[in-house]
Amino acid sequence: MLNKSKLVSFIATANPAESKTFYQDVIGLTLIAETQFALIFDSNGVTLRIQKVQAVPEVAHTLLGWEVEDMATAVSSLQAKGVQFEQFEGLPQDDDGVWTIGNEKIAWFKDPDGNTLSINSSS
């Protein structure tokens, strides 16, 4: 039944003003609406609801990710907007934080609340 329904993704923020700026101006998503409960963005046809909460728990895994066509361009574009990519001990990443495994390239970064996000490319 749900395989024919549109997916909606959720994440949380305790800093709505910073998150709004980050997801709109840095990531480049389109703000659909802002309510007292959430920031609502469009990410290429997928709705992202950023719930406004008192505190965001630390999570040790990636919460959201985007497939990009050109990893080098995506990384440099985000870096130019102040995004710093994560380096993980024991994971062979290049100087920009990109891990390559086979044809897959993955890089991780944080939003203003410390949520781990990623970009990946298969080229």
Protein backbone atom coordinates (compact mmCIF):
# COMPACT_ATOMS: atom_id res chain seq x y z
CA MET A 1 0.00 0.00 0.00
CA LEU A 2 2.64 2.59 1.00
CA ASN A 3 4.83 1.73 -1.97
CA LYS A 4 2.47 3.94 -4.03
CA SER A 5 2.46 6.78 -1.50
CA LYS A 6 4.76 9.76 -1.45
CA LEU A 7 7.52 9.62 1.18
CA VAL A 8 7.81 12.41 3.77
CA SER A 9 11.05 12.70 5.74
CA PHE A 10 11.42 14.07 9.27
CA ILE A 11 14.24 15.56 11.28
CA ALA A 12 14.27 17.77 14.39
CA THR A 13 15.61 21.17 15.38
CA ALA A 14 15.91 23.05 18.63
CA ASN A 15 17.20 26.07 16.64
CA PRO A 16 14.49 26.81 14.04
CA ALA A 17 15.93 30.13 12.85
CA GLU A 18 19.39 28.62 12.25
CA SER A 19 17.89 25.51 10.63
CA LYS A 20 15.71 27.60 8.34
CA THR A 21 18.76 29.52 7.13
CA PHE A 22 20.87 26.36 6.80
CA TYR A 23 18.36 24.25 4.86
CA GLN A 24 17.17 27.15 2.70
CA ASP A 25 20.35 29.15 2.03
CA VAL A 26 23.15 26.60 2.45
CA ILE A 27 21.53 23.35 1.29
CA GLY A 28 19.25 25.16 -1.18
CA LEU A 29 15.89 23.58 -0.34
CA THR A 30 12.64 25.44 -1.02
CA LEU A 31 10.71 26.50 2.08
CA ILE A 32 7.06 25.51 1.63
CA ALA A 33 5.75 26.67 5.01
CA GLU A 34 6.70 27.47 8.57
CA THR A 35 4.30 26.66 11.39
CA GLN A 36 4.65 26.80 15.15
CA PHE A 37 5.49 23.08 14.99
CA ALA A 38 7.73 22.66 11.93
CA LEU A 39 9.70 24.04 9.03
CA ILE A 40 8.47 22.37 5.85
CA PHE A 41 10.76 22.15 2.83
CA ASP A 42 10.65 20.61 -0.62
CA SER A 43 13.68 18.55 -1.61
CA ASN A 44 13.21 17.67 -5.27
CA GLY A 45 9.61 16.51 -4.74
CA VAL A 46 10.13 14.97 -1.30
CA THR A 47 8.76 16.83 1.71
CA LEU A 48 11.17 17.40 4.58
CA ARG A 49 9.45 18.33 7.85
CA ILE A 50 11.87 19.75 10.40
CA GLN A 51 10.06 19.43 13.69
CA LYS A 52 10.60 22.16 16.28
CA VAL A 53 11.58 20.54 19.58
CA GLN A 54 13.10 21.62 22.90
CA ALA A 55 16.25 19.49 22.47
CA VAL A 56 17.64 17.29 19.71
CA PRO A 57 19.10 14.00 20.95
CA GLU A 58 22.52 13.05 19.65
CA VAL A 59 22.27 10.25 17.11
CA ALA A 60 25.33 8.32 15.94
CA HIS A 61 24.16 7.70 12.38
CA THR A 62 23.18 9.56 9.23
CA LEU A 63 19.63 10.93 9.29
CA LEU A 64 19.29 12.38 5.79
CA GLY A 65 21.25 12.05 2.57
CA TRP A 66 21.16 13.29 -0.99
CA GLU A 67 22.42 11.66 -4.18
CA VAL A 68 24.46 14.13 -6.21
CA GLU A 69 25.66 13.90 -9.78
CA ASP A 70 29.13 15.34 -9.21
CA MET A 71 30.66 14.83 -5.76
CA ALA A 72 33.55 17.26 -6.25
CA THR A 73 31.20 20.06 -7.33
CA ALA A 74 28.76 19.36 -4.48
CA VAL A 75 31.54 19.30 -1.89
CA SER A 76 33.16 22.52 -3.11
CA SER A 77 29.78 24.28 -3.36
CA LEU A 78 28.86 23.34 0.21
CA GLN A 79 32.33 24.23 1.49
CA ALA A 80 32.00 27.66 -0.13
CA LYS A 81 28.87 28.14 1.99
CA GLY A 82 30.71 27.22 5.19
CA VAL A 83 29.91 23.51 5.46
CA GLN A 84 32.67 21.48 7.08
CA PHE A 85 32.80 17.80 6.21
CA GLU A 86 33.34 15.21 8.92
CA GLN A 87 36.47 13.08 9.21
CA PHE A 88 36.02 9.69 10.90
CA GLU A 89 38.93 7.90 12.49
CA GLY A 90 39.68 4.60 10.77
CA LEU A 91 37.71 5.49 7.63
CA PRO A 92 39.93 6.25 4.62
CA GLN A 93 38.66 9.66 3.51
CA ASP A 94 40.36 12.26 1.36
CA ASP A 95 41.21 15.76 2.59
CA ASP A 96 37.65 16.93 1.85
CA GLY A 97 36.11 14.11 3.90
CA VAL A 98 35.03 11.99 0.94
CA TRP A 99 35.12 8.22 1.42
CA THR A 100 35.36 6.15 -1.75
CA ILE A 101 34.27 2.52 -1.78
CA GLY A 102 34.12 0.98 -5.23
CA ASN A 103 32.25 3.44 -7.45
CA GLU A 104 30.48 5.06 -4.48
CA LYS A 105 31.63 8.32 -2.90
CA ILE A 106 30.14 9.51 0.40
CA ALA A 107 30.75 12.59 2.55
CA TRP A 108 29.11 13.59 5.83
CA PHE A 109 28.39 16.94 7.45
CA LYS A 110 26.26 18.33 10.28
CA ASP A 111 23.34 20.71 10.39
CA PRO A 112 23.08 23.42 13.10
CA ASP A 113 21.59 20.89 15.56
CA GLY A 114 24.35 18.33 15.02
CA ASN A 115 22.22 16.02 12.87
CA THR A 116 24.46 14.02 10.54
CA LEU A 117 23.65 14.51 6.85
CA SER A 118 25.38 13.07 3.79
CA ILE A 119 25.87 13.41 0.10
CA ASN A 120 26.77 10.49 -2.12
CA SER A 121 27.59 9.84 -5.73
CA SER A 122 27.91 6.69 -7.80
CA SER A 123 30.33 7.61 -10.57
